[in-house]
Amino acid sequence: MTAIQPVQTPRRVGVVEDHAVAVAGLRHILSTVPEVEFVASAASVSELLAITSRLDLVVLDLRLPDGSSPNSNVQQLRLAGIEALVFTSGDEPYLVRAAARAGVLGVVRKSERDDVVAAAVRDAAFGKVVATMDWAAAIDGDEDFDQVNLSPRQRDVLSLYASGEPAARVARLTGLTEDTVNAYLGRIRQKYAEAGRPARTKTELYKRALEDGWLPIPRRRRK
């Protein structure tokens, strides 16, 4: 008898955006993505959290009528256990840099094709980094972004581990013991923490590797 596969619960997505047309557009786009559920929208983070905090992701506009900063909005969401994906026109790079520094999962332009936006929201809702050229450019253009110096061996370990390899396989590929690999990862995390760029999870390590150029920005597939 064939085992019945459990139905995956859609990830819950909220939108912080004060333009009704943009909200309607996102609602339409996300209606085509069965893995996510459009739950609520509001013109500010505080208003959205007053409606519900049971969200996996918030799609966040950067310039809002309440005058809030990207950093404060991302931190407010983080305290509620919610990740953020920036949805922007891209005409104010300093706001994108502020959001990137605050720790968003990525940046997607409002001018992108519907399928690109849908894929970005779906990936971010599942905790994946949405690595785009806009996101990379925001990091590159931030003079206050503290670089972390890693040894060549540490960079090898980070690149392999952050790209998805388990510690045991990293050990085999590098000729190290698994204990040594874990020690390297611990030291790498410590260095990023000391620079004010936490890397507690594998996803955060992946983000740091992208930000510092140890991994290439993935190319988006074109249909």
C-alpha atoms as a PDB file:
ATOM      1  CA  MET A   1       0.000   0.000   0.000  1.00  0.00           C
ATOM      2  CA  THR A   2       1.319   3.447  -0.894  1.00  0.00           C
ATOM      3  CA  ALA A   3       1.864   5.680   2.107  1.00  0.00           C
ATOM      4  CA  ILE A   4      -0.253   8.827   2.187  1.00  0.00           C
ATOM      5  CA  GLN A   5       1.958  11.909   2.151  1.00  0.00           C
ATOM      6  CA  PRO A   6       1.010  14.588   4.710  1.00  0.00           C
ATOM      7  CA  VAL A   7      -0.337  17.821   3.280  1.00  0.00           C
ATOM      8  CA  GLN A   8       2.090  20.681   3.853  1.00  0.00           C
ATOM      9  CA  THR A   9       0.606  23.616   5.712  1.00  0.00           C
ATOM     10  CA  PRO A  10       1.028  26.811   3.685  1.00  0.00           C
ATOM     11  CA  ARG A  11       3.394  29.419   5.115  1.00  0.00           C
ATOM     12  CA  ARG A  12       1.566  32.480   6.398  1.00  0.00           C
ATOM     13  CA  VAL A  13       2.542  35.765   4.751  1.00  0.00           C
ATOM     14  CA  GLY A  14       1.671  39.331   5.704  1.00  0.00           C
ATOM     15  CA  VAL A  15       2.300  42.534   3.765  1.00  0.00           C
ATOM     16  CA  VAL A  16       3.292  45.951   5.077  1.00  0.00           C
ATOM     17  CA  GLU A  17       2.545  48.386   2.258  1.00  0.00           C
ATOM     18  CA  ASP A  18       0.445  51.568   2.135  1.00  0.00           C
ATOM     19  CA  HIS A  19      -0.441  51.465  -1.562  1.00  0.00           C
ATOM     20  CA  ALA A  20      -3.642  49.543  -2.190  1.00  0.00           C
ATOM     21  CA  VAL A  21      -2.681  48.738  -5.784  1.00  0.00           C
ATOM     22  CA  ALA A  22       0.590  47.120  -4.669  1.00  0.00           C
ATOM     23  CA  VAL A  23      -1.221  45.094  -2.003  1.00  0.00           C
ATOM     24  CA  ALA A  24      -3.817  43.926  -4.516  1.00  0.00           C
ATOM     25  CA  GLY A  25      -1.065  42.960  -6.921  1.00  0.00           C
ATOM     26  CA  LEU A  26       0.731  40.908  -4.298  1.00  0.00           C
ATOM     27  CA  ARG A  27      -2.504  39.247  -3.231  1.00  0.00           C
ATOM     28  CA  HIS A  28      -3.115  38.219  -6.846  1.00  0.00           C
ATOM     29  CA  ILE A  29       0.448  36.968  -7.332  1.00  0.00           C
ATOM     30  CA  LEU A  30       0.417  34.934  -4.121  1.00  0.00           C
ATOM     31  CA  SER A  31      -2.962  33.391  -5.004  1.00  0.00           C
ATOM     32  CA  THR A  32      -1.037  31.382  -7.605  1.00  0.00           C
ATOM     33  CA  VAL A  33       1.402  29.982  -5.020  1.00  0.00           C
ATOM     34  CA  PRO A  34      -0.148  27.063  -3.112  1.00  0.00           C
ATOM     35  CA  GLU A  35       2.748  26.918  -0.637  1.00  0.00           C
ATOM     36  CA  VAL A  36       1.909  30.312   0.877  1.00  0.00           C
ATOM     37  CA  GLU A  37      -1.187  31.992   2.270  1.00  0.00           C
ATOM     38  CA  PHE A  38      -1.818  35.729   2.098  1.00  0.00           C
ATOM     39  CA  VAL A  39      -3.046  36.445   5.634  1.00  0.00           C
ATOM     40  CA  ALA A  40      -3.237  40.202   6.171  1.00  0.00           C
ATOM     41  CA  SER A  41      -1.898  43.578   5.138  1.00  0.00           C
ATOM     42  CA  ALA A  42      -1.410  46.917   6.870  1.00  0.00           C
ATOM     43  CA  ALA A  43       0.266  50.275   6.366  1.00  0.00           C
ATOM     44  CA  SER A  44       2.740  49.726   9.213  1.00  0.00           C
ATOM     45  CA  VAL A  45       4.404  46.889  11.092  1.00  0.00           C
ATOM     46  CA  SER A  46       2.632  47.830  14.317  1.00  0.00           C
ATOM     47  CA  GLU A  47      -0.755  47.729  12.601  1.00  0.00           C
ATOM     48  CA  LEU A  48      -0.021  44.352  11.038  1.00  0.00           C
ATOM     49  CA  LEU A  49       1.129  42.828  14.330  1.00  0.00           C
ATOM     50  CA  ALA A  50      -2.041  44.170  15.972  1.00  0.00           C
ATOM     51  CA  ILE A  51      -4.003  42.131  13.428  1.00  0.00           C
ATOM     52  CA  THR A  52      -1.897  38.979  13.800  1.00  0.00           C
ATOM     53  CA  SER A  53       1.601  37.906  14.788  1.00  0.00           C
ATOM     54  CA  ARG A  54       1.074  34.364  13.509  1.00  0.00           C
ATOM     55  CA  LEU A  55       3.137  34.919  10.399  1.00  0.00           C
ATOM     56  CA  ASP A  56       6.156  33.256   8.839  1.00  0.00           C
ATOM     57  CA  LEU A  57       7.097  36.182   6.625  1.00  0.00           C
ATOM     58  CA  VAL A  58       6.304  39.830   6.078  1.00  0.00           C
ATOM     59  CA  VAL A  59       6.764  41.409   2.655  1.00  0.00           C
ATOM     60  CA  LEU A  60       7.950  44.866   3.659  1.00  0.00           C
ATOM     61  CA  ASP A  61       7.889  48.161   1.806  1.00  0.00           C
ATOM     62  CA  LEU A  62      10.694  50.470   2.918  1.00  0.00           C
ATOM     63  CA  ARG A  63       9.072  53.908   2.902  1.00  0.00           C
ATOM     64  CA  LEU A  64       5.956  53.929   5.063  1.00  0.00           C
ATOM     65  CA  PRO A  65       3.621  56.763   6.097  1.00  0.00           C
ATOM     66  CA  ASP A  66       4.432  56.376   9.814  1.00  0.00           C
ATOM     67  CA  GLY A  67       8.053  57.427   9.131  1.00  0.00           C
ATOM     68  CA  SER A  68       9.483  54.234  10.602  1.00  0.00           C
ATOM     69  CA  SER A  69      12.969  53.077   9.637  1.00  0.00           C
ATOM     70  CA  PRO A  70      13.753  49.762   7.922  1.00  0.00           C
ATOM     71  CA  ASN A  71      15.936  48.777  10.883  1.00  0.00           C
ATOM     72  CA  SER A  72      13.229  49.361  13.495  1.00  0.00           C
ATOM     73  CA  ASN A  73      10.648  47.539  11.380  1.00  0.00           C
ATOM     74  CA  VAL A  74      12.862  44.510  10.816  1.00  0.00           C
ATOM     75  CA  GLN A  75      13.813  44.384  14.485  1.00  0.00           C
ATOM     76  CA  GLN A  76      10.158  44.610  15.512  1.00  0.00           C
ATOM     77  CA  LEU A  77       9.344  41.689  13.246  1.00  0.00           C
ATOM     78  CA  ARG A  78      12.336  39.725  14.469  1.00  0.00           C
ATOM     79  CA  LEU A  79      11.186  40.114  18.076  1.00  0.00           C
ATOM     80  CA  ALA A  80       7.879  38.576  16.987  1.00  0.00           C
ATOM     81  CA  GLY A  81       9.744  35.681  15.353  1.00  0.00           C
ATOM     82  CA  ILE A  82       8.942  36.818  11.803  1.00  0.00           C
ATOM     83  CA  GLU A  83      11.365  37.137   8.878  1.00  0.00           C
ATOM     84  CA  ALA A  84      11.170  39.941   6.320  1.00  0.00           C
ATOM     85  CA  LEU A  85      11.536  40.269   2.562  1.00  0.00           C
ATOM     86  CA  VAL A  86      11.952  43.768   1.147  1.00  0.00           C
ATOM     87  CA  PHE A  87       9.600  44.737  -1.687  1.00  0.00           C
ATOM     88  CA  THR A  88      10.809  47.987  -3.176  1.00  0.00           C
ATOM     89  CA  SER A  89      10.939  50.212  -6.229  1.00  0.00           C
ATOM     90  CA  GLY A  90      14.682  50.385  -5.643  1.00  0.00           C
ATOM     91  CA  ASP A  91      14.905  54.154  -6.061  1.00  0.00           C
ATOM     92  CA  GLU A  92      16.262  54.774  -2.554  1.00  0.00           C
ATOM     93  CA  PRO A  93      19.394  52.633  -2.151  1.00  0.00           C
ATOM     94  CA  TYR A  94      20.157  53.912   1.352  1.00  0.00           C
ATOM     95  CA  LEU A  95      16.895  52.396   2.614  1.00  0.00           C
ATOM     96  CA  VAL A  96      17.768  49.092   0.949  1.00  0.00           C
ATOM     97  CA  ARG A  97      21.198  49.200   2.616  1.00  0.00           C
ATOM     98  CA  ALA A  98      19.584  49.838   5.991  1.00  0.00           C
ATOM     99  CA  ALA A  99      17.256  46.876   5.533  1.00  0.00           C
ATOM    100  CA  ALA A 100      20.079  44.597   4.377  1.00  0.00           C
ATOM    101  CA  ARG A 101      22.101  45.577   7.434  1.00  0.00           C
ATOM    102  CA  ALA A 102      19.111  44.817   9.675  1.00  0.00           C
ATOM    103  CA  GLY A 103      19.014  41.226   8.430  1.00  0.00           C
ATOM    104  CA  VAL A 104      16.238  40.776   5.885  1.00  0.00           C
ATOM    105  CA  LEU A 105      16.128  37.591   3.819  1.00  0.00           C
ATOM    106  CA  GLY A 106      16.426  39.494   0.573  1.00  0.00           C
ATOM    107  CA  VAL A 107      15.284  42.289  -1.716  1.00  0.00           C
ATOM    108  CA  VAL A 108      12.910  42.035  -4.669  1.00  0.00           C
ATOM    109  CA  ARG A 109      11.896  44.897  -6.952  1.00  0.00           C
ATOM    110  CA  LYS A 110       8.265  45.791  -7.523  1.00  0.00           C
ATOM    111  CA  SER A 111       9.049  45.941 -11.235  1.00  0.00           C
ATOM    112  CA  GLU A 112      10.015  42.251 -11.403  1.00  0.00           C
ATOM    113  CA  ARG A 113       7.853  39.759 -13.286  1.00  0.00           C
ATOM    114  CA  ASP A 114       5.052  38.133 -11.307  1.00  0.00           C
ATOM    115  CA  ASP A 115       6.744  34.713 -11.362  1.00  0.00           C
ATOM    116  CA  VAL A 116       9.968  36.192  -9.970  1.00  0.00           C
ATOM    117  CA  VAL A 117       8.097  37.911  -7.131  1.00  0.00           C
ATOM    118  CA  ALA A 118       6.134  34.725  -6.412  1.00  0.00           C
ATOM    119  CA  ALA A 119       9.320  32.631  -6.244  1.00  0.00           C
ATOM    120  CA  ALA A 120      11.029  35.174  -3.988  1.00  0.00           C
ATOM    121  CA  VAL A 121       8.125  35.254  -1.526  1.00  0.00           C
ATOM    122  CA  ARG A 122       7.808  31.462  -1.535  1.00  0.00           C
ATOM    123  CA  ASP A 123      11.526  30.967  -0.847  1.00  0.00           C
ATOM    124  CA  ALA A 124      11.637  33.608   1.875  1.00  0.00           C
ATOM    125  CA  ALA A 125       8.514  32.186   3.522  1.00  0.00           C
ATOM    126  CA  PHE A 126      10.424  28.930   3.956  1.00  0.00           C
ATOM    127  CA  GLY A 127      13.393  30.753   5.453  1.00  0.00           C
ATOM    128  CA  LYS A 128      15.570  30.772   2.359  1.00  0.00           C
ATOM    129  CA  VAL A 129      17.785  33.696   1.427  1.00  0.00           C
ATOM    130  CA  VAL A 130      16.581  35.503  -1.692  1.00  0.00           C
ATOM    131  CA  ALA A 131      19.936  36.526  -3.140  1.00  0.00           C
ATOM    132  CA  THR A 132      19.503  39.163  -5.841  1.00  0.00           C
ATOM    133  CA  MET A 133      21.852  41.689  -7.369  1.00  0.00           C
ATOM    134  CA  ASP A 134      19.950  44.489  -5.598  1.00  0.00           C
ATOM    135  CA  TRP A 135      20.614  42.806  -2.271  1.00  0.00           C
ATOM    136  CA  ALA A 136      24.290  42.295  -3.106  1.00  0.00           C
ATOM    137  CA  ALA A 137      24.656  45.887  -4.303  1.00  0.00           C
ATOM    138  CA  ALA A 138      23.161  47.145  -1.053  1.00  0.00           C
ATOM    139  CA  ILE A 139      25.805  45.246   0.900  1.00  0.00           C
ATOM    140  CA  ASP A 140      28.629  46.363  -1.398  1.00  0.00           C
ATOM    141  CA  GLY A 141      27.582  49.998  -1.128  1.00  0.00           C
ATOM    142  CA  ASP A 142      27.422  50.037   2.663  1.00  0.00           C
ATOM    143  CA  GLU A 143      30.632  51.586   3.991  1.00  0.00           C
ATOM    144  CA  ASP A 144      29.628  50.747   7.557  1.00  0.00           C
ATOM    145  CA  PHE A 145      29.310  47.047   6.808  1.00  0.00           C
ATOM    146  CA  ASP A 146      32.000  45.338   8.875  1.00  0.00           C
ATOM    147  CA  GLN A 147      33.962  42.787   6.894  1.00  0.00           C
ATOM    148  CA  VAL A 148      35.077  39.624   8.679  1.00  0.00           C
ATOM    149  CA  ASN A 149      38.546  38.283   7.995  1.00  0.00           C
ATOM    150  CA  LEU A 150      38.577  34.510   7.585  1.00  0.00           C
ATOM    151  CA  SER A 151      41.545  32.285   6.957  1.00  0.00           C
ATOM    152  CA  PRO A 152      41.616  30.336   3.666  1.00  0.00           C
ATOM    153  CA  ARG A 153      40.676  27.140   5.525  1.00  0.00           C
ATOM    154  CA  GLN A 154      37.808  28.882   7.315  1.00  0.00           C
ATOM    155  CA  ARG A 155      36.544  30.207   3.977  1.00  0.00           C
ATOM    156  CA  ASP A 156      36.646  26.676   2.520  1.00  0.00           C
ATOM    157  CA  VAL A 157      34.656  25.289   5.443  1.00  0.00           C
ATOM    158  CA  LEU A 158      32.145  28.156   5.345  1.00  0.00           C
ATOM    159  CA  SER A 159      31.638  27.905   1.578  1.00  0.00           C
ATOM    160  CA  LEU A 160      30.966  24.176   1.687  1.00  0.00           C
ATOM    161  CA  TYR A 161      28.798  24.213   4.808  1.00  0.00           C
ATOM    162  CA  ALA A 162      26.794  27.309   3.851  1.00  0.00           C
ATOM    163  CA  SER A 163      26.122  25.900   0.382  1.00  0.00           C
ATOM    164  CA  GLY A 164      24.276  22.982   1.979  1.00  0.00           C
ATOM    165  CA  GLU A 165      26.840  20.307   2.821  1.00  0.00           C
ATOM    166  CA  PRO A 166      26.536  18.656   6.244  1.00  0.00           C
ATOM    167  CA  ALA A 167      29.510  18.908   8.582  1.00  0.00           C
ATOM    168  CA  ALA A 168      30.450  15.246   8.032  1.00  0.00           C
ATOM    169  CA  ARG A 169      30.748  15.720   4.271  1.00  0.00           C
ATOM    170  CA  VAL A 170      32.644  19.000   4.711  1.00  0.00           C
ATOM    171  CA  ALA A 171      35.115  17.023   6.790  1.00  0.00           C
ATOM    172  CA  ARG A 172      35.563  14.445   4.024  1.00  0.00           C
ATOM    173  CA  LEU A 173      35.953  17.087   1.320  1.00  0.00           C
ATOM    174  CA  THR A 174      38.514  19.101   3.260  1.00  0.00           C
ATOM    175  CA  GLY A 175      40.435  16.237   4.855  1.00  0.00           C
ATOM    176  CA  LEU A 176      39.561  17.457   8.344  1.00  0.00           C
ATOM    177  CA  THR A 177      37.861  15.638  11.179  1.00  0.00           C
ATOM    178  CA  GLU A 178      34.221  16.433  11.849  1.00  0.00           C
ATOM    179  CA  ASP A 179      35.163  17.820  15.276  1.00  0.00           C
ATOM    180  CA  THR A 180      37.636  20.188  13.597  1.00  0.00           C
ATOM    181  CA  VAL A 181      35.002  21.329  11.104  1.00  0.00           C
ATOM    182  CA  ASN A 182      32.591  22.085  13.947  1.00  0.00           C
ATOM    183  CA  ALA A 183      35.356  23.963  15.752  1.00  0.00           C
ATOM    184  CA  TYR A 184      35.963  26.048  12.630  1.00  0.00           C
ATOM    185  CA  LEU A 185      32.243  26.776  12.322  1.00  0.00           C
ATOM    186  CA  GLY A 186      32.143  27.847  15.956  1.00  0.00           C
ATOM    187  CA  ARG A 187      35.026  30.252  15.417  1.00  0.00           C
ATOM    188  CA  ILE A 188      33.450  31.606  12.214  1.00  0.00           C
ATOM    189  CA  ARG A 189      30.188  32.270  14.057  1.00  0.00           C
ATOM    190  CA  GLN A 190      32.124  33.991  16.827  1.00  0.00           C
ATOM    191  CA  LYS A 191      33.904  36.284  14.358  1.00  0.00           C
ATOM    192  CA  TYR A 192      30.626  37.312  12.751  1.00  0.00           C
ATOM    193  CA  ALA A 193      29.023  37.902  16.149  1.00  0.00           C
ATOM    194  CA  GLU A 194      31.943  40.132  17.163  1.00  0.00           C
ATOM    195  CA  ALA A 195      31.390  42.149  13.963  1.00  0.00           C
ATOM    196  CA  GLY A 196      27.728  42.643  14.857  1.00  0.00           C
ATOM    197  CA  ARG A 197      26.576  40.277  12.109  1.00  0.00           C
ATOM    198  CA  PRO A 198      25.050  37.229  13.830  1.00  0.00           C
ATOM    199  CA  ALA A 199      25.406  33.856  12.121  1.00  0.00           C
ATOM    200  CA  ARG A 200      23.665  31.531  14.520  1.00  0.00           C
ATOM    201  CA  THR A 201      21.855  29.400  11.956  1.00  0.00           C
ATOM    202  CA  LYS A 202      22.895  27.786   8.693  1.00  0.00           C
ATOM    203  CA  THR A 203      20.686  30.249   6.813  1.00  0.00           C
ATOM    204  CA  GLU A 204      22.464  33.176   8.453  1.00  0.00           C
ATOM    205  CA  LEU A 205      25.851  31.630   7.613  1.00  0.00           C
ATOM    206  CA  TYR A 206      24.707  31.371   4.001  1.00  0.00           C
ATOM    207  CA  LYS A 207      23.766  35.059   4.047  1.00  0.00           C
ATOM    208  CA  ARG A 208      27.160  36.031   5.465  1.00  0.00           C
ATOM    209  CA  ALA A 209      28.957  33.942   2.844  1.00  0.00           C
ATOM    210  CA  LEU A 210      26.995  35.708   0.093  1.00  0.00           C
ATOM    211  CA  GLU A 211      27.527  39.136   1.618  1.00  0.00           C
ATOM    212  CA  ASP A 212      31.296  38.688   1.863  1.00  0.00           C
ATOM    213  CA  GLY A 213      31.691  37.090  -1.543  1.00  0.00           C
ATOM    214  CA  TRP A 214      32.612  33.584  -0.388  1.00  0.00           C
ATOM    215  CA  LEU A 215      29.656  32.257  -2.409  1.00  0.00           C
ATOM    216  CA  PRO A 216      28.424  33.613  -5.760  1.00  0.00           C
ATOM    217  CA  ILE A 217      25.051  35.341  -6.053  1.00  0.00           C
ATOM    218  CA  PRO A 218      22.793  32.723  -7.681  1.00  0.00           C
ATOM    219  CA  ARG A 219      21.699  33.584 -11.180  1.00  0.00           C
ATOM    220  CA  ARG A 220      17.971  33.817 -11.636  1.00  0.00           C
ATOM    221  CA  ARG A 221      16.602  31.406 -14.194  1.00  0.00           C
ATOM    222  CA  ARG A 222      14.806  32.995 -17.105  1.00  0.00           C
ATOM    223  CA  LYS A 223      11.966  31.251 -18.849  1.00  0.00           C
END
